[in-house]
């Protein structure tokens, strides 16, 4: 693979991961909204997950990595907030 094809493939993978992370929690959010209950959802696991995503987001931002390298984290953080 030449460098141009490799770079295009990396952009495709980055876009695919970001798109997947954008919709990963939508079914769970819809289920909670329809049932009007968060029964069965562990608060401690949600907080731990949010902390992990927030740390990774902050680290990548502080190191000034390109946004495309960590663009999935803002979506994951925003999707987790309604659960808490």
C-alpha atoms as a PDB file:
ATOM      1  CA  UNK A   1       0.000   0.000   0.000  1.00  0.00           C
ATOM      2  CA  UNK A   2       1.382   3.383  -0.866  1.00  0.00           C
ATOM      3  CA  UNK A   3       1.339   6.247   1.607  1.00  0.00           C
ATOM      4  CA  UNK A   4      -1.710   7.944   0.073  1.00  0.00           C
ATOM      5  CA  UNK A   5      -3.817   4.781   0.178  1.00  0.00           C
ATOM      6  CA  UNK A   6      -2.701   4.089   3.745  1.00  0.00           C
ATOM      7  CA  UNK A   7      -3.639   7.581   4.840  1.00  0.00           C
ATOM      8  CA  UNK A   8      -7.055   7.331   3.154  1.00  0.00           C
ATOM      9  CA  UNK A   9      -7.635   3.982   4.867  1.00  0.00           C
ATOM     10  CA  UNK A  10      -6.719   5.529   8.241  1.00  0.00           C
ATOM     11  CA  UNK A  11      -9.166   8.394   7.646  1.00  0.00           C
ATOM     12  CA  UNK A  12     -11.860   5.865   6.769  1.00  0.00           C
ATOM     13  CA  UNK A  13     -11.215   3.881   9.961  1.00  0.00           C
ATOM     14  CA  UNK A  14     -11.225   7.041  12.057  1.00  0.00           C
ATOM     15  CA  UNK A  15     -14.529   8.143  10.531  1.00  0.00           C
ATOM     16  CA  UNK A  16     -16.040   4.683  11.058  1.00  0.00           C
ATOM     17  CA  UNK A  17     -15.025   4.581  14.731  1.00  0.00           C
ATOM     18  CA  UNK A  18     -16.362   8.097  15.313  1.00  0.00           C
ATOM     19  CA  UNK A  19     -19.661   7.301  13.586  1.00  0.00           C
ATOM     20  CA  UNK A  20     -20.051   4.090  15.579  1.00  0.00           C
ATOM     21  CA  UNK A  21     -19.356   5.891  18.854  1.00  0.00           C
ATOM     22  CA  UNK A  22     -21.884   8.540  17.886  1.00  0.00           C
ATOM     23  CA  UNK A  23     -24.714   5.986  17.890  1.00  0.00           C
ATOM     24  CA  UNK A  24     -23.461   3.306  20.296  1.00  0.00           C
ATOM     25  CA  UNK A  25     -25.661   4.297  23.236  1.00  0.00           C
ATOM     26  CA  UNK A  26     -28.728   5.446  21.303  1.00  0.00           C
ATOM     27  CA  UNK A  27     -30.626   2.147  21.784  1.00  0.00           C
ATOM     28  CA  UNK A  28     -30.020   2.237  25.546  1.00  0.00           C
ATOM     29  CA  UNK A  29     -31.064   5.896  25.737  1.00  0.00           C
ATOM     30  CA  UNK A  30     -34.271   5.163  23.808  1.00  0.00           C
ATOM     31  CA  UNK A  31     -35.044   2.195  26.046  1.00  0.00           C
ATOM     32  CA  UNK A  32     -34.636   4.289  29.188  1.00  0.00           C
ATOM     33  CA  UNK A  33     -36.750   7.124  27.769  1.00  0.00           C
ATOM     34  CA  UNK A  34     -39.543   4.716  26.785  1.00  0.00           C
ATOM     35  CA  UNK A  35     -39.580   2.887  30.133  1.00  0.00           C
ATOM     36  CA  UNK A  36     -38.986   6.104  32.115  1.00  0.00           C
ATOM     37  CA  UNK A  37     -36.687   4.141  34.404  1.00  0.00           C
ATOM     38  CA  UNK A  38     -32.962   3.555  34.774  1.00  0.00           C
ATOM     39  CA  UNK A  39     -33.501   0.325  36.690  1.00  0.00           C
ATOM     40  CA  UNK A  40     -30.660  -2.092  36.110  1.00  0.00           C
ATOM     41  CA  UNK A  41     -28.124   0.582  35.176  1.00  0.00           C
ATOM     42  CA  UNK A  42     -25.174   0.747  37.560  1.00  0.00           C
ATOM     43  CA  UNK A  43     -24.391   4.329  38.602  1.00  0.00           C
ATOM     44  CA  UNK A  44     -20.850   3.447  39.656  1.00  0.00           C
ATOM     45  CA  UNK A  45     -20.086   1.893  36.262  1.00  0.00           C
ATOM     46  CA  UNK A  46     -21.482   4.944  34.475  1.00  0.00           C
ATOM     47  CA  UNK A  47     -19.372   7.309  36.571  1.00  0.00           C
ATOM     48  CA  UNK A  48     -16.264   5.181  36.011  1.00  0.00           C
ATOM     49  CA  UNK A  49     -16.941   5.108  32.266  1.00  0.00           C
ATOM     50  CA  UNK A  50     -17.450   8.895  32.140  1.00  0.00           C
ATOM     51  CA  UNK A  51     -14.237   9.476  34.108  1.00  0.00           C
ATOM     52  CA  UNK A  52     -12.285   7.235  31.737  1.00  0.00           C
ATOM     53  CA  UNK A  53     -13.621   8.957  28.634  1.00  0.00           C
ATOM     54  CA  UNK A  54     -13.060  12.392  30.173  1.00  0.00           C
ATOM     55  CA  UNK A  55      -9.462  11.566  31.097  1.00  0.00           C
ATOM     56  CA  UNK A  56      -8.725  10.335  27.570  1.00  0.00           C
ATOM     57  CA  UNK A  57     -10.391  13.384  26.034  1.00  0.00           C
ATOM     58  CA  UNK A  58      -8.457  15.763  28.289  1.00  0.00           C
ATOM     59  CA  UNK A  59      -5.150  13.954  27.745  1.00  0.00           C
ATOM     60  CA  UNK A  60      -5.442  14.015  23.963  1.00  0.00           C
ATOM     61  CA  UNK A  61      -6.511  17.663  24.002  1.00  0.00           C
ATOM     62  CA  UNK A  62      -3.638  18.650  26.328  1.00  0.00           C
ATOM     63  CA  UNK A  63      -1.089  16.841  24.146  1.00  0.00           C
ATOM     64  CA  UNK A  64      -2.509  18.752  21.139  1.00  0.00           C
ATOM     65  CA  UNK A  65      -3.130  15.624  19.114  1.00  0.00           C
ATOM     66  CA  UNK A  66      -5.243  16.130  15.992  1.00  0.00           C
ATOM     67  CA  UNK A  67      -8.949  16.059  16.816  1.00  0.00           C
ATOM     68  CA  UNK A  68      -9.447  13.180  14.399  1.00  0.00           C
ATOM     69  CA  UNK A  69      -7.291  11.022  16.706  1.00  0.00           C
ATOM     70  CA  UNK A  70      -9.759  11.308  19.593  1.00  0.00           C
ATOM     71  CA  UNK A  71     -12.991  12.552  18.035  1.00  0.00           C
ATOM     72  CA  UNK A  72     -15.011   9.644  19.436  1.00  0.00           C
ATOM     73  CA  UNK A  73     -14.558  10.711  23.067  1.00  0.00           C
ATOM     74  CA  UNK A  74     -16.731  13.860  23.010  1.00  0.00           C
ATOM     75  CA  UNK A  75     -19.635  11.808  21.629  1.00  0.00           C
ATOM     76  CA  UNK A  76     -19.169   9.107  24.254  1.00  0.00           C
ATOM     77  CA  UNK A  77     -19.009  11.646  27.086  1.00  0.00           C
ATOM     78  CA  UNK A  78     -22.108  13.473  25.860  1.00  0.00           C
ATOM     79  CA  UNK A  79     -24.067  10.234  25.466  1.00  0.00           C
ATOM     80  CA  UNK A  80     -23.224   9.131  29.007  1.00  0.00           C
ATOM     81  CA  UNK A  81     -24.332  12.324  30.741  1.00  0.00           C
ATOM     82  CA  UNK A  82     -28.110  11.656  30.490  1.00  0.00           C
ATOM     83  CA  UNK A  83     -27.659   8.355  32.328  1.00  0.00           C
ATOM     84  CA  UNK A  84     -26.179  10.074  35.366  1.00  0.00           C
END
